[in-house]
PDB file of N, CA and C in Angstrom:
ATOM      1  N   MET A   1       0.943  -1.169  -0.027  1.00  0.00           N
ATOM      2  CA  MET A   1      -0.076   0.051   0.146  1.00  0.00           C
ATOM      3  C   MET A   1       0.960   1.226   0.090  1.00  0.00           C
ATOM      4  N   SER A   2       0.574   2.384  -0.667  1.00  0.00           N
ATOM      5  CA  SER A   2       1.096   3.630  -0.586  1.00  0.00           C
ATOM      6  C   SER A   2       0.632   4.601   0.399  1.00  0.00           C
ATOM      7  N   VAL A   3       0.766   4.388   1.533  1.00  0.00           N
ATOM      8  CA  VAL A   3       0.373   5.368   2.720  1.00  0.00           C
ATOM      9  C   VAL A   3       1.735   6.134   3.237  1.00  0.00           C
ATOM     10  N   GLU A   4       1.196   7.374   3.007  1.00  0.00           N
ATOM     11  CA  GLU A   4       2.389   8.322   3.514  1.00  0.00           C
ATOM     12  C   GLU A   4       1.814   8.873   4.570  1.00  0.00           C
ATOM     13  N   LYS A   5       2.708   9.294   5.620  1.00  0.00           N
ATOM     14  CA  LYS A   5       2.401  10.196   6.628  1.00  0.00           C
ATOM     15  C   LYS A   5       0.708  10.129   6.798  1.00  0.00           C
ATOM     16  N   GLY A   6       0.072   9.098   6.856  1.00  0.00           N
ATOM     17  CA  GLY A   6      -1.292   8.963   7.258  1.00  0.00           C
ATOM     18  C   GLY A   6      -2.530   9.428   6.009  1.00  0.00           C
ATOM     19  N   HIS A   7      -1.678   9.405   4.827  1.00  0.00           N
ATOM     20  CA  HIS A   7      -2.787   9.611   3.924  1.00  0.00           C
ATOM     21  C   HIS A   7      -2.901   8.211   3.396  1.00  0.00           C
ATOM     22  N   ILE A   8      -4.332   7.855   3.016  1.00  0.00           N
ATOM     23  CA  ILE A   8      -4.686   6.837   2.375  1.00  0.00           C
ATOM     24  C   ILE A   8      -5.324   6.954   1.288  1.00  0.00           C
ATOM     25  N   TYR A   9      -4.884   6.293  -0.132  1.00  0.00           N
ATOM     26  CA  TYR A   9      -5.435   6.771  -1.312  1.00  0.00           C
ATOM     27  C   TYR A   9      -6.642   5.575  -1.498  1.00  0.00           C
ATOM     28  N   PHE A  10      -7.373   5.985  -2.788  1.00  0.00           N
ATOM     29  CA  PHE A  10      -8.771   5.342  -2.955  1.00  0.00           C
ATOM     30  C   PHE A  10      -8.042   3.726  -3.238  1.00  0.00           C
ATOM     31  N   ASP A  11      -7.109   3.421  -4.248  1.00  0.00           N
ATOM     32  CA  ASP A  11      -6.892   2.174  -4.371  1.00  0.00           C
ATOM     33  C   ASP A  11      -6.388   1.697  -3.007  1.00  0.00           C
ATOM     34  N   ASP A  12      -6.086   2.116  -2.249  1.00  0.00           N
ATOM     35  CA  ASP A  12      -5.484   1.587  -0.867  1.00  0.00           C
ATOM     36  C   ASP A  12      -6.814   0.910  -0.066  1.00  0.00           C
ATOM     37  N   LEU A  13      -7.915   1.571  -0.222  1.00  0.00           N
ATOM     38  CA  LEU A  13      -9.317   1.504   0.301  1.00  0.00           C
ATOM     39  C   LEU A  13      -9.427   0.073  -0.431  1.00  0.00           C
ATOM     40  N   ARG A  14      -9.518  -0.052  -1.600  1.00  0.00           N
ATOM     41  CA  ARG A  14      -9.672  -1.426  -2.641  1.00  0.00           C
ATOM     42  C   ARG A  14      -9.024  -2.310  -1.899  1.00  0.00           C
ATOM     43  N   LYS A  15      -7.606  -2.395  -1.662  1.00  0.00           N
ATOM     44  CA  LYS A  15      -6.987  -3.226  -1.190  1.00  0.00           C
ATOM     45  C   LYS A  15      -6.973  -3.574   0.089  1.00  0.00           C
ATOM     46  N   LEU A  16      -7.618  -2.733   1.047  1.00  0.00           N
ATOM     47  CA  LEU A  16      -7.958  -3.183   2.172  1.00  0.00           C
ATOM     48  C   LEU A  16      -9.509  -3.878   2.550  1.00  0.00           C
ATOM     49  N   ILE A  17     -10.207  -3.538   1.635  1.00  0.00           N
ATOM     50  CA  ILE A  17     -11.489  -4.248   1.411  1.00  0.00           C
ATOM     51  C   ILE A  17     -11.242  -5.700   0.753  1.00  0.00           C
ATOM     52  N   SER A  18     -10.371  -5.892  -0.072  1.00  0.00           N
ATOM     53  CA  SER A  18      -9.991  -7.063  -0.838  1.00  0.00           C
ATOM     54  C   SER A  18      -9.400  -7.993   0.441  1.00  0.00           C
ATOM     55  N   LYS A  19      -8.512  -7.194   1.045  1.00  0.00           N
ATOM     56  CA  LYS A  19      -7.674  -8.200   2.126  1.00  0.00           C
ATOM     57  C   LYS A  19      -8.724  -8.548   3.155  1.00  0.00           C
ATOM     58  N   TYR A  20      -9.756  -7.666   3.705  1.00  0.00           N
ATOM     59  CA  TYR A  20     -10.640  -8.169   4.659  1.00  0.00           C
ATOM     60  C   TYR A  20     -11.890  -8.250   4.380  1.00  0.00           C
ATOM     61  N   TRP A  21     -11.974  -8.794   3.019  1.00  0.00           N
ATOM     62  CA  TRP A  21     -13.382  -9.007   2.510  1.00  0.00           C
ATOM     63  C   TRP A  21     -14.494  -9.463   3.479  1.00  0.00           C
ATOM     64  N   ASP A  22     -14.285 -10.297   4.435  1.00  0.00           N
ATOM     65  CA  ASP A  22     -15.137 -10.582   5.331  1.00  0.00           C
ATOM     66  C   ASP A  22     -15.906  -9.517   6.229  1.00  0.00           C
ATOM     67  N   CYS A  23     -14.906  -8.713   6.413  1.00  0.00           N
ATOM     68  CA  CYS A  23     -15.729  -7.211   7.100  1.00  0.00           C
ATOM     69  C   CYS A  23     -16.464  -6.291   6.055  1.00  0.00           C
ATOM     70  N   PHE A  24     -16.584  -6.535   4.877  1.00  0.00           N
ATOM     71  CA  PHE A  24     -16.998  -5.798   3.914  1.00  0.00           C
ATOM     72  C   PHE A  24     -18.117  -6.450   3.092  1.00  0.00           C
ATOM     73  N   LYS A  25     -18.190  -7.634   3.173  1.00  0.00           N
ATOM     74  CA  LYS A  25     -19.227  -8.245   2.296  1.00  0.00           C
ATOM     75  C   LYS A  25     -20.652  -8.037   2.490  1.00  0.00           C
ATOM     76  N   ASN A  26     -21.237  -7.572   3.922  1.00  0.00           N
ATOM     77  CA  ASN A  26     -22.515  -7.390   4.219  1.00  0.00           C
ATOM     78  C   ASN A  26     -22.669  -6.220   3.776  1.00  0.00           C
ATOM     79  N   MET A  27     -21.721  -5.176   3.585  1.00  0.00           N
ATOM     80  CA  MET A  27     -21.901  -3.745   2.959  1.00  0.00           C
ATOM     81  C   MET A  27     -21.877  -3.847   1.604  1.00  0.00           C
ATOM     82  N   LEU A  28     -21.138  -4.582   0.922  1.00  0.00           N
ATOM     83  CA  LEU A  28     -20.823  -4.770  -0.510  1.00  0.00           C
ATOM     84  C   LEU A  28     -21.608  -5.549  -1.277  1.00  0.00           C
ATOM     85  N   GLY A  29     -22.002  -6.633  -0.592  1.00  0.00           N
ATOM     86  CA  GLY A  29     -22.893  -7.600  -1.381  1.00  0.00           C
ATOM     87  C   GLY A  29     -21.946  -8.939  -1.730  1.00  0.00           C
ATOM     88  N   PRO A  30     -22.500 -10.007  -1.855  1.00  0.00           N
ATOM     89  CA  PRO A  30     -21.794 -11.142  -2.087  1.00  0.00           C
ATOM     90  C   PRO A  30     -21.074 -11.244  -2.916  1.00  0.00           C
ATOM     91  N   ASP A  31     -20.638 -10.756  -3.972  1.00  0.00           N
ATOM     92  CA  ASP A  31     -20.122 -10.564  -5.056  1.00  0.00           C
ATOM     93  C   ASP A  31     -18.612  -9.838  -5.195  1.00  0.00           C
ATOM     94  N   GLN A  32     -17.689 -10.467  -4.500  1.00  0.00           N
ATOM     95  CA  GLN A  32     -16.456  -9.688  -4.253  1.00  0.00           C
ATOM     96  C   GLN A  32     -15.722  -9.558  -5.417  1.00  0.00           C
ATOM     97  N   ASP A  33     -15.812 -10.177  -6.650  1.00  0.00           N
ATOM     98  CA  ASP A  33     -14.843  -9.673  -7.839  1.00  0.00           C
ATOM     99  C   ASP A  33     -15.767  -8.787  -8.459  1.00  0.00           C
ATOM    100  N   LYS A  34     -17.001  -8.701  -8.316  1.00  0.00           N
ATOM    101  CA  LYS A  34     -18.058  -7.510  -9.132  1.00  0.00           C
ATOM    102  C   LYS A  34     -17.526  -6.298  -8.205  1.00  0.00           C
ATOM    103  N   ALA A  35     -17.612  -6.377  -6.803  1.00  0.00           N
ATOM    104  CA  ALA A  35     -17.310  -4.875  -6.073  1.00  0.00           C
ATOM    105  C   ALA A  35     -16.124  -4.341  -6.229  1.00  0.00           C
ATOM    106  N   LEU A  36     -15.062  -5.131  -6.172  1.00  0.00           N
ATOM    107  CA  LEU A  36     -13.421  -4.969  -6.456  1.00  0.00           C
ATOM    108  C   LEU A  36     -13.484  -4.566  -7.908  1.00  0.00           C
ATOM    109  N   GLN A  37     -13.817  -5.043  -8.878  1.00  0.00           N
ATOM    110  CA  GLN A  37     -13.663  -4.544 -10.230  1.00  0.00           C
ATOM    111  C   GLN A  37     -14.224  -3.010 -10.404  1.00  0.00           C
ATOM    112  N   PHE A  38     -15.606  -2.785  -9.624  1.00  0.00           N
ATOM    113  CA  PHE A  38     -16.136  -1.492  -9.681  1.00  0.00           C
ATOM    114  C   PHE A  38     -15.449  -0.353  -9.161  1.00  0.00           C
ATOM    115  N   LEU A  39     -14.614  -0.759  -7.934  1.00  0.00           N
ATOM    116  CA  LEU A  39     -13.801   0.136  -7.279  1.00  0.00           C
ATOM    117  C   LEU A  39     -12.572   0.452  -8.044  1.00  0.00           C
ATOM    118  N   LYS A  40     -11.953  -0.927  -8.503  1.00  0.00           N
ATOM    119  CA  LYS A  40     -10.861  -0.653  -9.502  1.00  0.00           C
ATOM    120  C   LYS A  40     -11.165   0.510 -10.770  1.00  0.00           C
ATOM    121  N   LEU A  41     -12.450   0.196 -11.175  1.00  0.00           N
ATOM    122  CA  LEU A  41     -12.871   1.249 -12.256  1.00  0.00           C
ATOM    123  C   LEU A  41     -13.021   2.560 -11.891  1.00  0.00           C
ATOM    124  N   ILE A  42     -13.577   2.665 -10.726  1.00  0.00           N
ATOM    125  CA  ILE A  42     -13.941   4.242 -10.135  1.00  0.00           C
ATOM    126  C   ILE A  42     -12.551   4.829  -9.966  1.00  0.00           C
ATOM    127  N   ASN A  43     -11.391   4.146  -9.487  1.00  0.00           N
ATOM    128  CA  ASN A  43     -10.007   4.333  -9.216  1.00  0.00           C
ATOM    129  C   ASN A  43      -9.456   4.874 -10.352  1.00  0.00           C
ATOM    130  N   GLU A  44      -9.528   4.372 -11.607  1.00  0.00           N
ATOM    131  CA  GLU A  44      -8.895   4.459 -12.838  1.00  0.00           C
ATOM    132  C   GLU A  44      -9.243   5.632 -13.583  1.00  0.00           C
ATOM    133  N   HIS A  45     -10.383   6.116 -12.962  1.00  0.00           N
ATOM    134  CA  HIS A  45     -11.126   7.019 -13.903  1.00  0.00           C
ATOM    135  C   HIS A  45     -11.485   8.338 -13.158  1.00  0.00           C
ATOM    136  N   ARG A  46     -10.924   8.504 -11.631  1.00  0.00           N
ATOM    137  CA  ARG A  46     -11.188   9.853 -10.976  1.00  0.00           C
ATOM    138  C   ARG A  46     -10.644  10.740 -11.566  1.00  0.00           C
ATOM    139  N   ALA A  47     -11.408  11.758 -11.935  1.00  0.00           N
ATOM    140  CA  ALA A  47     -10.961  13.105 -11.958  1.00  0.00           C
ATOM    141  C   ALA A  47      -9.974  13.889 -11.461  1.00  0.00           C
ATOM    142  N   ASP A  48      -9.967  13.677 -10.255  1.00  0.00           N
ATOM    143  CA  ASP A  48      -8.777  14.452  -9.567  1.00  0.00           C
ATOM    144  C   ASP A  48      -7.495  14.121  -9.855  1.00  0.00           C
ATOM    145  N   ALA A  49      -7.382  12.598  -9.996  1.00  0.00           N
ATOM    146  CA  ALA A  49      -6.248  11.998  -9.942  1.00  0.00           C
ATOM    147  C   ALA A  49      -5.868  11.643 -11.547  1.00  0.00           C
ATOM    148  N   HIS A  50      -6.720  11.249 -12.594  1.00  0.00           N
ATOM    149  CA  HIS A  50      -6.703  10.904 -13.738  1.00  0.00           C
ATOM    150  C   HIS A  50      -7.300  11.623 -14.955  1.00  0.00           C
ATOM    151  N   ALA A  51      -7.288  12.936 -14.775  1.00  0.00           N
ATOM    152  CA  ALA A  51      -8.372  13.636 -15.591  1.00  0.00           C
ATOM    153  C   ALA A  51      -7.973  13.532 -17.091  1.00  0.00           C
ATOM    154  N   LYS A  52      -9.101  13.103 -17.629  1.00  0.00           N
ATOM    155  CA  LYS A  52      -9.004  12.970 -19.120  1.00  0.00           C
ATOM    156  C   LYS A  52     -10.531  12.676 -19.623  1.00  0.00           C
ATOM    157  N   GLU A  53     -10.519  13.179 -21.007  1.00  0.00           N
ATOM    158  CA  GLU A  53     -11.867  12.836 -21.667  1.00  0.00           C
ATOM    159  C   GLU A  53     -12.274  11.236 -21.590  1.00  0.00           C
ATOM    160  N   LEU A  54     -13.116  10.973 -21.438  1.00  0.00           N
ATOM    161  CA  LEU A  54     -14.009   9.491 -21.339  1.00  0.00           C
ATOM    162  C   LEU A  54     -14.643   9.269 -22.170  1.00  0.00           C
ATOM    163  N   PRO A  55     -14.652   8.142 -23.428  1.00  0.00           N
ATOM    164  CA  PRO A  55     -15.475   7.653 -24.247  1.00  0.00           C
ATOM    165  C   PRO A  55     -16.687   7.266 -23.486  1.00  0.00           C
ATOM    166  N   GLU A  56     -17.657   7.255 -24.522  1.00  0.00           N
ATOM    167  CA  GLU A  56     -19.304   7.351 -23.916  1.00  0.00           C
ATOM    168  C   GLU A  56     -19.438   5.808 -23.032  1.00  0.00           C
ATOM    169  N   ASP A  57     -18.715   4.824 -23.725  1.00  0.00           N
ATOM    170  CA  ASP A  57     -19.055   3.487 -23.176  1.00  0.00           C
ATOM    171  C   ASP A  57     -18.593   3.233 -21.756  1.00  0.00           C
ATOM    172  N   GLU A  58     -17.029   4.207 -21.738  1.00  0.00           N
ATOM    173  CA  GLU A  58     -16.398   3.848 -20.424  1.00  0.00           C
ATOM    174  C   GLU A  58     -17.129   4.944 -19.285  1.00  0.00           C
ATOM    175  N   PHE A  59     -17.850   6.109 -19.820  1.00  0.00           N
ATOM    176  CA  PHE A  59     -18.524   6.743 -18.953  1.00  0.00           C
ATOM    177  C   PHE A  59     -19.763   5.993 -18.279  1.00  0.00           C
ATOM    178  N   GLN A  60     -20.321   5.450 -19.136  1.00  0.00           N
ATOM    179  CA  GLN A  60     -21.406   4.375 -18.767  1.00  0.00           C
ATOM    180  C   GLN A  60     -21.219   3.399 -17.941  1.00  0.00           C
ATOM    181  N   MET A  61     -20.111   2.806 -18.021  1.00  0.00           N
ATOM    182  CA  MET A  61     -19.554   1.523 -17.270  1.00  0.00           C
ATOM    183  C   MET A  61     -19.346   2.364 -15.710  1.00  0.00           C
ATOM    184  N   LEU A  62     -18.854   3.753 -15.712  1.00  0.00           N
ATOM    185  CA  LEU A  62     -18.468   4.290 -14.591  1.00  0.00           C
ATOM    186  C   LEU A  62     -19.607   4.551 -13.917  1.00  0.00           C
ATOM    187  N   ARG A  63     -20.758   5.024 -14.556  1.00  0.00           N
ATOM    188  CA  ARG A  63     -22.154   5.349 -13.989  1.00  0.00           C
ATOM    189  C   ARG A  63     -22.769   4.062 -13.430  1.00  0.00           C
ATOM    190  N   ILE A  64     -22.550   3.063 -13.821  1.00  0.00           N
ATOM    191  CA  ILE A  64     -23.147   1.591 -13.435  1.00  0.00           C
ATOM    192  C   ILE A  64     -22.314   1.497 -12.017  1.00  0.00           C
ATOM    193  N   ALA A  65     -21.028   1.534 -12.137  1.00  0.00           N
ATOM    194  CA  ALA A  65     -19.991   1.267 -10.775  1.00  0.00           C
ATOM    195  C   ALA A  65     -20.671   2.205  -9.629  1.00  0.00           C
ATOM    196  N   PHE A  66     -20.423   3.414 -10.110  1.00  0.00           N
ATOM    197  CA  PHE A  66     -21.037   4.379  -8.673  1.00  0.00           C
ATOM    198  C   PHE A  66     -22.360   4.156  -8.295  1.00  0.00           C
ATOM    199  N   LYS A  67     -23.467   3.850  -9.242  1.00  0.00           N
ATOM    200  CA  LYS A  67     -24.662   3.206  -8.915  1.00  0.00           C
ATOM    201  C   LYS A  67     -24.794   2.148  -7.990  1.00  0.00           C
ATOM    202  N   PHE A  68     -23.978   1.053  -8.261  1.00  0.00           N
ATOM    203  CA  PHE A  68     -23.736   0.055  -7.650  1.00  0.00           C
ATOM    204  C   PHE A  68     -23.247   0.487  -5.880  1.00  0.00           C
ATOM    205  N   LEU A  69     -22.271   1.066  -5.995  1.00  0.00           N
ATOM    206  CA  LEU A  69     -21.803   1.679  -4.601  1.00  0.00           C
ATOM    207  C   LEU A  69     -22.689   2.596  -4.103  1.00  0.00           C
ATOM    208  N   GLU A  70     -23.503   3.021  -4.680  1.00  0.00           N
ATOM    209  CA  GLU A  70     -24.546   3.968  -3.974  1.00  0.00           C
ATOM    210  C   GLU A  70     -25.662   3.171  -3.675  1.00  0.00           C
ATOM    211  N   VAL A  71     -26.113   2.042  -4.082  1.00  0.00           N
ATOM    212  CA  VAL A  71     -27.360   1.359  -3.585  1.00  0.00           C
ATOM    213  C   VAL A  71     -26.780   0.595  -2.749  1.00  0.00           C
ATOM    214  N   ARG A  72     -25.657  -0.090  -2.688  1.00  0.00           N
ATOM    215  CA  ARG A  72     -25.118  -0.745  -1.533  1.00  0.00           C
ATOM    216  C   ARG A  72     -25.074  -0.201  -0.343  1.00  0.00           C
ATOM    217  N   LEU A  73     -24.421   0.953  -0.435  1.00  0.00           N
ATOM    218  CA  LEU A  73     -24.146   1.743   0.706  1.00  0.00           C
ATOM    219  C   LEU A  73     -25.469   2.278   1.408  1.00  0.00           C
ATOM    220  N   LYS A  74     -26.468   2.723   0.540  1.00  0.00           N
ATOM    221  CA  LYS A  74     -27.816   3.038   0.970  1.00  0.00           C
ATOM    222  C   LYS A  74     -28.641   1.966   1.786  1.00  0.00           C
ATOM    223  N   GLN A  75     -28.560   0.771   1.256  1.00  0.00           N
ATOM    224  CA  GLN A  75     -28.997  -0.593   1.603  1.00  0.00           C
ATOM    225  C   GLN A  75     -28.214  -0.725   3.162  1.00  0.00           C
ATOM    226  N   PHE A  76     -26.916  -0.425   3.037  1.00  0.00           N
ATOM    227  CA  PHE A  76     -26.349  -0.982   4.450  1.00  0.00           C
ATOM    228  C   PHE A  76     -26.635   0.429   5.562  1.00  0.00           C
ATOM    229  N   GLY A  77     -26.659   1.435   5.148  1.00  0.00           N
ATOM    230  CA  GLY A  77     -26.603   2.631   6.147  1.00  0.00           C
ATOM    231  C   GLY A  77     -28.110   2.890   6.478  1.00  0.00           C
ATOM    232  N   GLY A  78     -29.007   2.358   5.858  1.00  0.00           N
ATOM    233  CA  GLY A  78     -30.521   2.625   6.088  1.00  0.00           C
ATOM    234  C   GLY A  78     -31.058   3.651   5.480  1.00  0.00           C
TER     235      GLY A  78
END
């Protein structure tokens, strides 16, 4: 992991979730591969770190990934 002086990067969170999946599966659902792929996709397209134009198909996949997380987190958080 690339933790410097207390900084945790988005991909570090994905790695932690992967390593401790049993702690996160109730929040993110039973499909670990799907959840981790969506987190990877979001990280790869973060505007703050990787600003670039997105083709429409990549933009739509990114929307699906965000929607997946939004739904899961709302269900978990009530």
